[in-house]
Amino acid sequence: MSYMLQPQILLLREGTDTSQGRGQIVSNINACSAVVEILKTTLGPRGMDKMIQTNRGHVVTNDGATVVDLLDVCHPAARLLCDTARAQDMEVGDGTTSVILISGEILKEAKNFIEDGMNPQVIIKGFKLAQEHIDAKLESLAIKFDTSEEKKRNTLVKCAETALNSKLLAHYKEFFGEMCVAAVEHLESTLLDKKLIAIKNVTGGSIRESFLVEGVAFKKTFSYAGFEQAPKKFTNAKILLLNMELELKAEKDNAEVKIERVEEFQEIVDAEWKIIYEKLDIVVDSGANVVLSKLPIGDLATQYFADKGIFTAGRVPKDDMDRLVVATGGVVQTTVNGLTPNVLGDCGDFEEIQIGAERFNMFKGCPKTRTTTIILRGGADQFIQEAERSLNDAIMIVRRALKAEFIVPGGGAIEIEVSKLLRDYSKTIGGKLQVVINAYAKALEVIPRTLADNAGLDSNDVLNKLRKKHAVDEDGKFYGVDVDSTSGIQNTYEGFVWEPLNIKKNILTSATEAACNLLSIDETIKNPTNEESKKMKRGAGPMPQMRG
């Protein structure tokens, strides 16, 4: 009896690499674990920094989002995890390291089940059940804001300080916590647009020389001849915002003008000068004291306006111009024809001042002070850049807290409490799901464990103390890791280590979704590039063998 072998069907392009099955899931988990190991030591007040070498130099940071961006991860599964962290940073502004750590620990627990032969869909179902239970219980663990203005502001400051605890500015958290809250308070209460808060870096000086400008400030733009003769200070200034050039334009290389007499050439030159002077006279007659444009304002216009007692600045960055529109109430003009008083912006005090080695244009006392600028000082450029990233996280936290009504204790307290509740919940679930939910509960302990490890504490001892506190004491749910004491634990609510509830929810939800998404991938197909495909067709690469 003979059997005819069926020829193998070549479905995919030559050189296509495919990996599938449980081995592929385990491989994806291992790739994610590599990212987790890089970021793990950056968590918490005692987290370490990472030095990343790029084409444009090196960056020293412990900000999770920055590390993820600079790593340039190429593994597709690990990139999915990094994308989740980026989404967390864009939406919330903080908690990127926590998302990756929790997601990686959940996957690590799932890896044991996969290797034991459990179906990934059972694991995903268990994780989602755990997440639903967390969502139902988190609000009961939260503490409501005090509605009085003074106490609410104090809560916002404490949330900002908690965000700064793990950053470079931890030693100055009280100073910058107040500054971040003051900056956010100036924003419109409904939108809270982060773009209206600018951070300008000035190298030199002490970090405590940083200050908040209630208005708009930007570095002096490129200056033309006559700039120094212009006045540098106005009270109740009228500001004209332009998006046009005010300078004589050179003819194009391929321009051609046919003339028969020399006088005709002079007429062309005179017409150009007449047009530019007409524009300048219209601006002067408008009553503006300060003229700003996104495009260049040339030598002629700068000198002309200086003689008339008008300050000018061209090539103003777009972001600063947008903030000026909001602050002054001015309207950006693309032409000077038909200028009316209502398009001019108002500013109580305008001044150009020296800060360190830089000169800044300051617009303060604007009628609609919904914009602020933080002038950030510091010794080294690397230090200032990391400080800026730290402030960005704190500002985002304050924005979120202002919209929220509840806070939860930080320092790993909420993770330990949720872990305990999940273990109790798993006892009501039968079968394999009970084991999966228990594994999820264990994975949440990665946050307090890592906080303790990074602080040089005995993490096993700290976790045992925390479990005991949360199990026995009524106020035990507030106890988390204390990196400054020998006992290793503290009441983080009384210690003012607070986080907004919606941020903690977002962290746990994003981590769970990322883990479930990765567990549902059991095959990776990598198509060859066009270059690889051409090599194979020419016989330069290995050809797949056909079996028959």
Protein backbone atom coordinates (compact mmCIF):
# COMPACT_ATOMS: atom_id res chain seq x y z
CA MET A 1 0.00 0.00 0.00
CA SER A 2 1.53 3.28 -1.06
CA TYR A 3 0.82 6.80 0.12
CA MET A 4 1.14 9.82 -2.12
CA LEU A 5 2.81 12.71 -0.36
CA GLN A 6 1.03 16.04 -0.88
CA PRO A 7 3.31 18.85 -2.08
CA GLN A 8 3.87 21.64 0.46
CA ILE A 9 2.00 24.81 -0.47
CA LEU A 10 4.18 27.90 -0.41
CA LEU A 11 1.76 30.50 0.96
CA LEU A 12 4.13 33.26 2.06
CA ARG A 13 6.89 35.07 0.22
CA GLU A 14 10.33 33.47 0.09
CA GLY A 15 12.40 34.31 3.17
CA THR A 16 9.39 34.92 5.42
CA ASP A 17 10.17 34.04 9.03
CA THR A 18 7.37 32.55 11.11
CA SER A 19 7.32 31.60 14.76
CA GLN A 20 4.26 30.22 16.48
CA GLY A 21 2.83 28.27 19.40
CA ARG A 22 3.56 28.39 23.11
CA GLY A 23 7.24 28.92 22.42
CA GLN A 24 6.39 32.19 20.69
CA ILE A 25 4.34 33.42 23.65
CA VAL A 26 7.20 32.57 26.02
CA SER A 27 9.65 34.33 23.68
CA ASN A 28 7.49 37.48 23.71
CA ILE A 29 7.32 37.40 27.51
CA ASN A 30 11.12 37.08 27.75
CA ALA A 31 11.54 40.12 25.47
CA CYS A 32 9.21 42.17 27.69
CA SER A 33 11.09 41.00 30.77
CA ALA A 34 14.29 42.45 29.29
CA VAL A 35 12.63 45.90 29.09
CA VAL A 36 11.35 45.50 32.67
CA GLU A 37 14.85 44.73 33.96
CA ILE A 38 16.18 47.93 32.41
CA LEU A 39 13.50 50.13 34.00
CA LYS A 40 13.11 48.36 37.34
CA THR A 41 15.96 50.16 39.11
CA THR A 42 14.59 53.62 38.15
CA LEU A 43 11.44 53.29 40.31
CA GLY A 44 10.96 55.29 43.48
CA PRO A 45 12.75 58.02 45.46
CA ARG A 46 15.97 55.99 45.49
CA GLY A 47 15.78 54.94 41.85
CA MET A 48 18.97 54.93 39.78
CA ASP A 49 19.58 56.90 36.58
CA LYS A 50 20.26 55.53 33.11
CA MET A 51 22.87 56.94 30.74
CA ILE A 52 21.81 56.43 27.14
CA GLN A 53 24.19 57.23 24.29
CA THR A 54 22.51 58.57 21.15
CA ASN A 55 23.71 60.12 17.89
CA ARG A 56 23.19 63.57 19.44
CA GLY A 57 25.13 62.85 22.62
CA HIS A 58 24.24 61.14 25.87
CA VAL A 59 21.18 61.51 28.08
CA VAL A 60 21.09 60.85 31.82
CA THR A 61 17.57 60.21 33.10
CA ASN A 62 15.39 58.03 35.31
CA ASP A 63 12.15 59.05 33.61
CA GLY A 64 10.50 55.89 32.29
CA ALA A 65 8.95 57.54 29.22
CA THR A 66 12.27 59.09 28.18
CA VAL A 67 14.15 55.80 28.61
CA VAL A 68 11.53 53.96 26.54
CA ASP A 69 11.75 56.57 23.76
CA LEU A 70 15.55 56.47 23.63
CA LEU A 71 15.92 52.66 23.80
CA ASP A 72 14.72 52.20 20.20
CA VAL A 73 13.33 48.73 20.94
CA CYS A 74 13.06 46.57 17.81
CA HIS A 75 11.38 43.41 19.17
CA PRO A 76 7.69 43.65 18.12
CA ALA A 77 6.28 42.33 21.41
CA ALA A 78 8.50 44.57 23.53
CA ARG A 79 7.51 47.51 21.34
CA LEU A 80 3.86 46.84 22.14
CA LEU A 81 4.68 47.15 25.82
CA CYS A 82 6.65 50.35 25.18
CA ASP A 83 3.75 51.80 23.19
CA THR A 84 1.47 51.22 26.18
CA ALA A 85 3.92 53.14 28.36
CA ARG A 86 4.01 55.99 25.83
CA ALA A 87 0.21 56.14 25.81
CA GLN A 88 0.29 56.35 29.62
CA ASP A 89 2.75 59.24 29.41
CA MET A 90 0.66 61.12 26.84
CA GLU A 91 -2.61 60.62 28.69
CA VAL A 92 -1.48 60.97 32.30
CA GLY A 93 2.13 62.21 32.23
CA ASP A 94 3.42 59.89 34.94
CA GLY A 95 3.39 56.20 35.91
CA THR A 96 5.12 54.86 32.80
CA THR A 97 7.63 52.84 34.83
CA SER A 98 4.83 51.41 37.00
CA VAL A 99 2.87 50.32 33.91
CA ILE A 100 5.85 48.43 32.48
CA LEU A 101 6.79 46.86 35.83
CA ILE A 102 3.28 45.63 36.64
CA SER A 103 2.64 44.42 33.09
CA GLY A 104 6.01 42.62 33.01
CA GLU A 105 5.35 40.96 36.38
CA ILE A 106 1.88 39.82 35.26
CA LEU A 107 3.45 38.29 32.15
CA LYS A 108 6.14 36.65 34.27
CA GLU A 109 3.45 34.94 36.37
CA ALA A 110 1.59 33.94 33.19
CA LYS A 111 4.76 32.38 31.78
CA ASN A 112 4.64 29.61 34.41
CA PHE A 113 1.07 28.75 33.41
CA ILE A 114 1.93 28.75 29.69
CA GLU A 115 4.86 26.38 30.25
CA ASP A 116 2.56 24.09 32.27
CA GLY A 117 0.20 23.87 29.30
CA MET A 118 -2.62 26.18 30.40
CA ASN A 119 -4.60 27.78 27.56
CA PRO A 120 -3.72 31.50 27.19
CA GLN A 121 -7.42 32.41 26.96
CA VAL A 122 -8.00 31.02 30.47
CA ILE A 123 -5.17 33.19 31.78
CA ILE A 124 -6.54 36.27 29.97
CA LYS A 125 -10.01 35.63 31.41
CA GLY A 126 -8.58 35.38 34.92
CA PHE A 127 -6.61 38.60 34.55
CA LYS A 128 -9.65 40.46 33.25
CA LEU A 129 -11.76 39.18 36.14
CA ALA A 130 -9.10 40.47 38.53
CA GLN A 131 -9.08 43.86 36.79
CA GLU A 132 -12.87 44.16 37.02
CA HIS A 133 -12.72 43.39 40.73
CA ILE A 134 -10.01 46.04 41.20
CA ASP A 135 -12.13 48.68 39.43
CA ALA A 136 -15.05 47.86 41.72
CA LYS A 137 -12.96 48.09 44.89
CA LEU A 138 -10.56 50.99 44.19
CA GLU A 139 -13.06 53.78 44.82
CA SER A 140 -13.93 52.34 48.24
CA LEU A 141 -10.21 52.60 49.13
CA ALA A 142 -9.92 56.21 47.92
CA ILE A 143 -10.12 59.34 50.05
CA LYS A 144 -12.23 62.27 48.88
CA PHE A 145 -10.71 65.72 48.46
CA ASP A 146 -11.58 68.35 51.02
CA THR A 147 -13.63 70.87 49.02
CA SER A 148 -12.30 73.93 50.86
CA GLU A 149 -9.89 75.88 48.65
CA GLU A 150 -6.99 75.90 51.10
CA LYS A 151 -7.08 72.18 51.86
CA LYS A 152 -7.68 71.25 48.23
CA ARG A 153 -4.63 73.27 47.21
CA ASN A 154 -2.59 71.56 49.92
CA THR A 155 -3.67 68.18 48.51
CA LEU A 156 -2.58 69.22 45.02
CA VAL A 157 0.82 70.32 46.35
CA LYS A 158 1.27 66.95 48.11
CA CYS A 159 0.39 65.10 44.89
CA ALA A 160 3.00 67.16 43.00
CA GLU A 161 5.60 66.45 45.70
CA THR A 162 4.84 62.71 45.51
CA ALA A 163 5.43 62.81 41.73
CA LEU A 164 8.73 64.65 42.29
CA ASN A 165 9.83 62.21 45.02
CA SER A 166 11.27 59.77 42.50
CA LYS A 167 12.80 62.46 40.30
CA LEU A 168 15.95 64.51 40.20
CA LEU A 169 14.16 67.38 41.99
CA ALA A 170 13.27 65.28 45.05
CA HIS A 171 15.38 67.52 47.32
CA TYR A 172 13.47 70.59 46.10
CA LYS A 173 9.99 69.03 45.99
CA GLU A 174 8.38 71.65 48.30
CA PHE A 175 9.78 74.51 46.20
CA PHE A 176 8.71 73.07 42.85
CA GLY A 177 5.47 71.49 44.16
CA GLU A 178 4.13 74.98 44.94
CA MET A 179 5.35 76.24 41.58
CA CYS A 180 3.61 73.44 39.62
CA VAL A 181 0.30 74.00 41.42
CA ALA A 182 0.51 77.77 40.87
CA ALA A 183 1.15 77.19 37.15
CA VAL A 184 -1.82 74.84 36.75
CA GLU A 185 -4.13 77.16 38.73
CA HIS A 186 -3.71 79.82 36.03
CA LEU A 187 -5.07 77.50 33.33
CA GLU A 188 -8.68 77.65 32.25
CA SER A 189 -10.57 75.39 34.66
CA THR A 190 -12.38 73.37 31.98
CA LEU A 191 -9.62 72.63 29.45
CA LEU A 192 -6.43 72.72 31.58
CA ASP A 193 -4.35 72.85 28.38
CA LYS A 194 -0.80 71.77 29.24
CA LYS A 195 0.58 73.63 26.20
CA LEU A 196 -0.15 76.94 27.94
CA ILE A 197 2.54 76.18 30.53
CA ALA A 198 6.01 76.75 29.07
CA ILE A 199 9.31 75.67 30.62
CA LYS A 200 12.36 77.67 29.52
CA ASN A 201 15.85 76.45 30.42
CA VAL A 202 18.63 78.85 31.41
CA THR A 203 22.02 77.32 32.13
CA GLY A 204 23.82 78.78 35.13
CA GLY A 205 22.79 79.72 38.63
CA SER A 206 21.21 77.72 41.41
CA ILE A 207 18.15 75.52 40.91
CA ARG A 208 16.42 77.63 43.57
CA GLU A 209 16.79 80.68 41.34
CA SER A 210 14.07 79.19 39.14
CA PHE A 211 10.84 81.17 39.16
CA LEU A 212 7.35 81.33 37.70
CA VAL A 213 6.29 84.08 35.30
CA GLU A 214 2.54 84.77 35.32
CA GLY A 215 2.36 85.39 31.62
CA VAL A 216 4.60 84.67 28.62
CA ALA A 217 8.40 84.73 28.48
CA PHE A 218 10.73 83.67 25.68
CA LYS A 219 14.39 84.10 24.79
CA LYS A 220 15.36 87.14 22.74
CA THR A 221 15.01 86.27 19.09
CA PHE A 222 17.54 86.88 16.32
CA SER A 223 18.21 90.63 16.31
CA TYR A 224 18.81 92.92 13.35
CA ALA A 225 20.56 96.28 13.05
CA GLY A 226 18.90 98.94 15.19
CA PHE A 227 17.51 96.47 17.72
CA GLU A 228 19.51 97.84 20.66
CA GLN A 229 18.16 101.34 20.05
CA ALA A 230 14.56 100.24 20.57
CA PRO A 231 12.94 100.72 24.01
CA LYS A 232 12.95 97.58 26.16
CA LYS A 233 10.20 98.38 28.66
CA PHE A 234 6.53 99.39 28.35
CA THR A 235 3.57 99.75 30.68
CA ASN A 236 0.09 99.02 29.29
CA ALA A 237 1.64 97.98 25.99
CA LYS A 238 -0.33 97.40 22.80
CA ILE A 239 0.93 94.31 20.99
CA LEU A 240 0.62 93.56 17.27
CA LEU A 241 1.03 89.89 16.36
CA LEU A 242 1.99 89.14 12.74
CA ASN A 243 2.57 86.17 10.50
CA MET A 244 4.32 88.03 7.69
CA GLU A 245 7.74 89.32 6.69
CA LEU A 246 8.64 92.98 7.02
CA GLU A 247 11.77 93.26 4.92
CA LEU A 248 12.90 93.94 1.37
CA LYS A 249 12.91 90.73 -0.63
CA ALA A 250 15.67 89.87 -3.07
CA GLU A 251 14.64 88.88 -6.57
CA LYS A 252 14.47 85.19 -7.37
CA ASP A 253 17.41 83.68 -9.21
CA ASN A 254 15.31 83.00 -12.29
CA ALA A 255 13.42 86.30 -12.26
CA GLU A 256 13.61 88.32 -15.47
CA VAL A 257 12.58 91.95 -15.94
CA LYS A 258 13.02 93.58 -19.35
CA ILE A 259 13.68 97.31 -19.27
CA GLU A 260 14.74 99.74 -21.96
CA ARG A 261 15.91 102.67 -19.83
CA VAL A 262 17.90 103.05 -16.64
CA GLU A 263 15.09 105.19 -15.21
CA GLU A 264 12.72 102.21 -15.41
CA PHE A 265 15.02 100.20 -13.11
CA GLN A 266 15.03 103.08 -10.64
CA GLU A 267 11.23 103.13 -10.74
CA ILE A 268 11.15 99.43 -9.80
CA VAL A 269 13.50 100.00 -6.85
CA ASP A 270 11.48 103.03 -5.70
CA ALA A 271 8.24 100.99 -5.88
CA GLU A 272 9.73 98.33 -3.59
CA TRP A 273 10.79 100.93 -1.04
CA LYS A 274 7.42 102.64 -1.24
CA ILE A 275 5.56 99.38 -0.54
CA ILE A 276 7.66 98.50 2.53
CA TYR A 277 7.43 102.05 3.95
CA GLU A 278 3.65 102.05 3.49
CA LYS A 279 3.45 98.83 5.53
CA LEU A 280 5.68 100.25 8.26
CA ASP A 281 3.66 103.49 8.48
CA ILE A 282 0.42 101.50 8.83
CA VAL A 283 1.95 99.57 11.76
CA VAL A 284 3.12 102.80 13.43
CA ASP A 285 -0.30 104.42 12.98
CA SER A 286 -2.02 101.39 14.56
CA GLY A 287 -0.73 102.47 17.99
CA ALA A 288 1.21 99.26 18.69
CA ASN A 289 4.19 99.51 21.08
CA VAL A 290 5.41 95.95 20.51
CA VAL A 291 5.46 94.22 17.12
CA LEU A 292 6.05 90.46 17.02
CA SER A 293 6.10 88.19 14.00
CA LYS A 294 6.57 84.49 13.34
CA LEU A 295 8.57 85.47 10.23
CA PRO A 296 11.65 87.73 9.94
CA ILE A 297 11.52 91.47 10.56
CA GLY A 298 14.51 92.86 8.66
CA ASP A 299 17.10 95.58 9.24
CA LEU A 300 15.05 98.35 7.64
CA ALA A 301 11.90 97.66 9.67
CA THR A 302 13.81 97.13 12.93
CA GLN A 303 15.66 100.45 12.59
CA TYR A 304 12.51 102.29 11.45
CA PHE A 305 10.45 101.01 14.39
CA ALA A 306 13.31 101.75 16.85
CA ASP A 307 13.30 105.38 15.69
CA LYS A 308 9.55 105.50 16.36
CA GLY A 309 9.94 104.02 19.86
CA ILE A 310 8.53 100.57 18.99
CA PHE A 311 9.99 97.22 20.13
CA THR A 312 10.18 94.49 17.47
CA ALA A 313 10.97 90.77 17.45
CA GLY A 314 10.85 88.47 14.44
CA ARG A 315 11.05 84.68 14.15
CA VAL A 316 9.06 84.20 17.36
CA PRO A 317 8.51 80.43 17.91
CA LYS A 318 5.01 79.20 17.11
CA ASP A 319 4.31 77.85 20.61
CA ASP A 320 5.22 81.19 22.20
CA MET A 321 3.09 83.06 19.67
CA ASP A 322 0.13 80.81 20.46
CA ARG A 323 0.55 81.53 24.17
CA LEU A 324 0.72 85.27 23.44
CA VAL A 325 -2.58 85.07 21.58
CA VAL A 326 -4.23 83.50 24.64
CA ALA A 327 -2.57 85.84 27.16
CA THR A 328 -2.91 89.19 25.40
CA GLY A 329 -6.12 88.63 23.46
CA GLY A 330 -4.44 89.72 20.23
CA VAL A 331 -5.22 88.30 16.80
CA VAL A 332 -2.42 87.15 14.49
CA GLN A 333 -2.49 89.16 11.24
CA THR A 334 -1.26 87.98 7.85
CA THR A 335 -1.43 91.51 6.40
CA VAL A 336 -1.12 95.02 7.79
CA ASN A 337 -3.91 96.35 5.60
CA GLY A 338 -7.08 97.17 7.50
CA LEU A 339 -5.57 97.05 10.99
CA THR A 340 -8.12 97.93 13.69
CA PRO A 341 -7.60 98.47 17.44
CA ASN A 342 -9.50 95.30 18.37
CA VAL A 343 -6.81 93.02 16.82
CA LEU A 344 -4.12 94.42 19.13
CA GLY A 345 -3.27 92.56 22.32
CA ASP A 346 -2.93 94.15 25.76
CA CYS A 347 -0.14 93.67 28.28
CA GLY A 348 0.23 95.37 31.66
CA ASP A 349 4.03 95.16 31.77
CA PHE A 350 6.47 94.31 29.00
CA GLU A 351 10.20 94.19 29.67
CA GLU A 352 13.35 92.63 28.29
CA ILE A 353 15.56 91.42 31.15
CA GLN A 354 18.83 89.55 31.56
CA ILE A 355 18.64 86.06 33.12
CA GLY A 356 22.05 84.43 33.38
CA ALA A 357 23.67 84.62 29.96
CA GLU A 358 20.31 84.93 28.19
CA ARG A 359 17.98 87.85 27.54
CA PHE A 360 14.26 87.22 27.90
CA ASN A 361 11.18 89.11 26.70
CA MET A 362 8.63 89.14 29.54
CA PHE A 363 4.91 89.77 29.10
CA LYS A 364 3.24 90.10 32.50
CA GLY A 365 0.00 91.56 33.79
CA CYS A 366 -1.98 90.39 30.76
CA PRO A 367 -5.79 90.65 30.99
CA LYS A 368 -6.22 86.93 30.34
CA THR A 369 -3.41 85.40 32.39
CA ARG A 370 -4.22 81.80 31.53
CA THR A 371 -0.62 81.12 30.53
CA THR A 372 2.50 80.78 32.66
CA THR A 373 6.20 80.23 32.04
CA ILE A 374 8.62 78.46 34.36
CA ILE A 375 12.18 79.78 34.08
CA LEU A 376 14.32 76.79 35.07
CA ARG A 377 17.88 77.45 36.24
CA GLY A 378 20.66 74.94 36.89
CA GLY A 379 24.34 74.23 36.57
CA ALA A 380 24.64 71.76 33.70
CA ASP A 381 22.51 71.33 30.60
CA GLN A 382 21.92 67.63 31.35
CA PHE A 383 20.68 68.52 34.84
CA ILE A 384 18.24 71.12 33.52
CA GLN A 385 16.84 68.78 30.87
CA GLU A 386 16.16 66.09 33.47
CA ALA A 387 14.63 68.70 35.80
CA GLU A 388 12.32 69.77 32.96
CA ARG A 389 11.14 66.18 32.48
CA SER A 390 10.50 65.94 36.23
CA LEU A 391 8.44 69.13 36.24
CA ASN A 392 6.45 67.94 33.25
CA ASP A 393 5.40 64.81 35.18
CA ALA A 394 4.45 66.83 38.26
CA ILE A 395 2.38 69.31 36.23
CA MET A 396 0.50 66.47 34.53
CA ILE A 397 -0.22 64.90 37.93
CA VAL A 398 -1.61 68.20 39.29
CA ARG A 399 -3.82 68.60 36.20
CA ARG A 400 -5.21 65.11 36.69
CA ALA A 401 -5.67 65.62 40.43
CA LEU A 402 -7.52 68.89 39.81
CA LYS A 403 -10.04 67.04 37.65
CA ALA A 404 -10.28 64.14 40.10
CA GLU A 405 -12.12 64.09 43.42
CA PHE A 406 -10.28 61.21 45.11
CA ILE A 407 -6.73 60.28 46.07
CA VAL A 408 -5.13 57.02 47.19
CA PRO A 409 -2.06 56.47 49.40
CA GLY A 410 1.17 55.90 47.46
CA GLY A 411 4.40 54.10 48.27
CA GLY A 412 2.96 50.72 47.21
CA ALA A 413 0.19 50.87 49.85
CA ILE A 414 -2.66 50.61 47.36
CA GLU A 415 -0.98 47.71 45.51
CA ILE A 416 -0.62 45.68 48.74
CA GLU A 417 -4.23 46.37 49.72
CA VAL A 418 -5.58 45.44 46.29
CA SER A 419 -3.42 42.31 46.31
CA LYS A 420 -5.00 41.29 49.63
CA LEU A 421 -8.53 41.93 48.30
CA LEU A 422 -7.80 39.87 45.17
CA ARG A 423 -6.63 36.92 47.25
CA ASP A 424 -9.89 37.07 49.23
CA TYR A 425 -11.84 37.33 45.98
CA SER A 426 -10.05 34.34 44.45
CA LYS A 427 -11.43 32.13 47.24
CA THR A 428 -14.92 32.68 45.80
CA ILE A 429 -13.78 31.53 42.34
CA GLY A 430 -13.29 27.86 41.54
CA GLY A 431 -10.99 26.02 39.16
CA LYS A 432 -8.03 27.38 37.25
CA LEU A 433 -9.22 30.99 37.47
CA GLN A 434 -8.55 30.98 41.21
CA VAL A 435 -4.88 30.25 40.61
CA VAL A 436 -4.65 32.90 37.86
CA ILE A 437 -6.22 35.61 40.06
CA ASN A 438 -3.84 34.69 42.88
CA ALA A 439 -0.94 35.08 40.45
CA TYR A 440 -2.22 38.55 39.46
CA ALA A 441 -2.41 39.48 43.16
CA LYS A 442 1.19 38.35 43.62
CA ALA A 443 2.31 40.36 40.57
CA LEU A 444 1.01 43.62 42.09
CA GLU A 445 3.52 43.28 44.91
CA VAL A 446 6.28 44.15 42.42
CA ILE A 447 5.81 47.88 43.16
CA PRO A 448 6.47 47.81 46.95
CA ARG A 449 9.12 45.12 46.47
CA THR A 450 11.00 47.22 43.90
CA LEU A 451 10.67 50.39 46.00
CA ALA A 452 12.27 48.55 48.91
CA ASP A 453 15.01 46.95 46.81
CA ASN A 454 15.96 50.28 45.21
CA ALA A 455 16.18 51.90 48.67
CA GLY A 456 18.56 49.20 49.89
CA LEU A 457 15.98 47.66 52.26
CA ASP A 458 15.27 43.97 52.78
CA SER A 459 12.27 43.63 50.44
CA ASN A 460 11.10 40.32 51.95
CA ASP A 461 11.09 41.81 55.44
CA VAL A 462 9.28 44.96 54.27
CA LEU A 463 6.64 42.96 52.38
CA ASN A 464 6.01 40.71 55.39
CA LYS A 465 5.48 43.75 57.61
CA LEU A 466 3.13 45.32 55.06
CA ARG A 467 1.09 42.14 54.65
CA LYS A 468 0.71 41.90 58.40
CA LYS A 469 -0.35 45.55 58.72
CA HIS A 470 -2.89 45.29 55.91
CA ALA A 471 -4.30 42.06 57.33
CA VAL A 472 -4.59 43.08 60.99
CA ASP A 473 -4.89 46.85 61.47
CA GLU A 474 -7.95 48.85 60.45
CA ASP A 475 -5.71 51.64 59.13
CA GLY A 476 -3.34 49.11 57.62
CA LYS A 477 -4.60 49.91 54.11
CA PHE A 478 -2.68 53.20 54.30
CA TYR A 479 0.70 51.57 54.98
CA GLY A 480 3.35 51.55 52.26
CA VAL A 481 7.11 51.56 51.85
CA ASP A 482 9.13 54.20 53.71
CA VAL A 483 12.54 54.59 52.09
CA ASP A 484 13.82 56.94 54.80
CA SER A 485 13.30 54.84 57.94
CA THR A 486 14.89 51.67 59.25
CA SER A 487 11.49 49.99 59.74
CA GLY A 488 10.81 50.33 56.01
CA ILE A 489 7.06 51.02 56.35
CA GLN A 490 4.91 54.03 57.17
CA ASN A 491 1.35 55.35 57.01
CA THR A 492 1.73 56.97 53.59
CA TYR A 493 -1.53 58.91 53.93
CA GLU A 494 -0.28 60.64 57.07
CA GLY A 495 3.13 60.95 55.42
CA PHE A 496 1.50 62.90 52.53
CA VAL A 497 2.52 60.38 49.88
CA TRP A 498 -0.60 60.65 47.72
CA GLU A 499 -1.60 59.82 44.17
CA PRO A 500 -4.80 60.71 42.27
CA LEU A 501 -7.21 57.78 42.02
CA ASN A 502 -7.76 58.07 38.27
CA ILE A 503 -4.01 57.82 37.63
CA LYS A 504 -3.73 54.63 39.67
CA LYS A 505 -6.74 53.22 37.80
CA ASN A 506 -5.13 54.09 34.49
CA ILE A 507 -1.87 52.39 35.48
CA LEU A 508 -3.54 49.11 36.48
CA THR A 509 -5.89 49.08 33.48
CA SER A 510 -3.11 49.82 30.97
CA ALA A 511 -0.81 47.18 32.49
CA THR A 512 -3.52 44.51 32.38
CA GLU A 513 -4.55 45.32 28.82
CA ALA A 514 -0.94 45.24 27.62
CA ALA A 515 -0.36 41.84 29.27
CA CYS A 516 -3.59 40.35 27.87
CA ASN A 517 -2.78 41.70 24.42
CA LEU A 518 0.66 40.06 24.43
CA LEU A 519 -0.73 36.74 25.74
CA SER A 520 -3.19 36.61 22.84
CA ILE A 521 -0.34 36.63 20.26
CA ASP A 522 0.79 33.10 19.43
CA GLU A 523 2.43 33.70 16.05
CA THR A 524 4.83 36.27 14.64
CA ILE A 525 5.28 36.56 10.87
CA LYS A 526 8.20 38.63 9.64
CA ASN A 527 8.21 39.44 5.96
CA PRO A 528 11.61 39.89 4.30
CA THR A 529 12.59 43.36 3.17
CA ASN A 530 12.68 44.08 -0.56
CA GLU A 531 16.47 43.86 -0.50
CA GLU A 532 16.42 40.43 1.16
CA SER A 533 13.81 39.22 -1.31
CA LYS A 534 15.94 40.35 -4.28
CA LYS A 535 19.01 38.54 -2.90
CA MET A 536 17.06 35.30 -2.60
CA LYS A 537 15.78 35.60 -6.14
CA ARG A 538 19.37 36.08 -7.34
CA GLY A 539 20.42 33.01 -5.35
CA ALA A 540 22.49 35.01 -2.88
CA GLY A 541 20.56 33.68 0.09
CA PRO A 542 19.28 30.28 1.20
CA MET A 543 16.27 29.08 -0.76
CA PRO A 544 13.48 27.32 1.15
CA GLN A 545 13.39 23.62 0.32
CA MET A 546 10.21 22.14 -1.14
CA ARG A 547 9.29 18.79 0.33
CA GLY A 548 7.19 16.37 -1.68
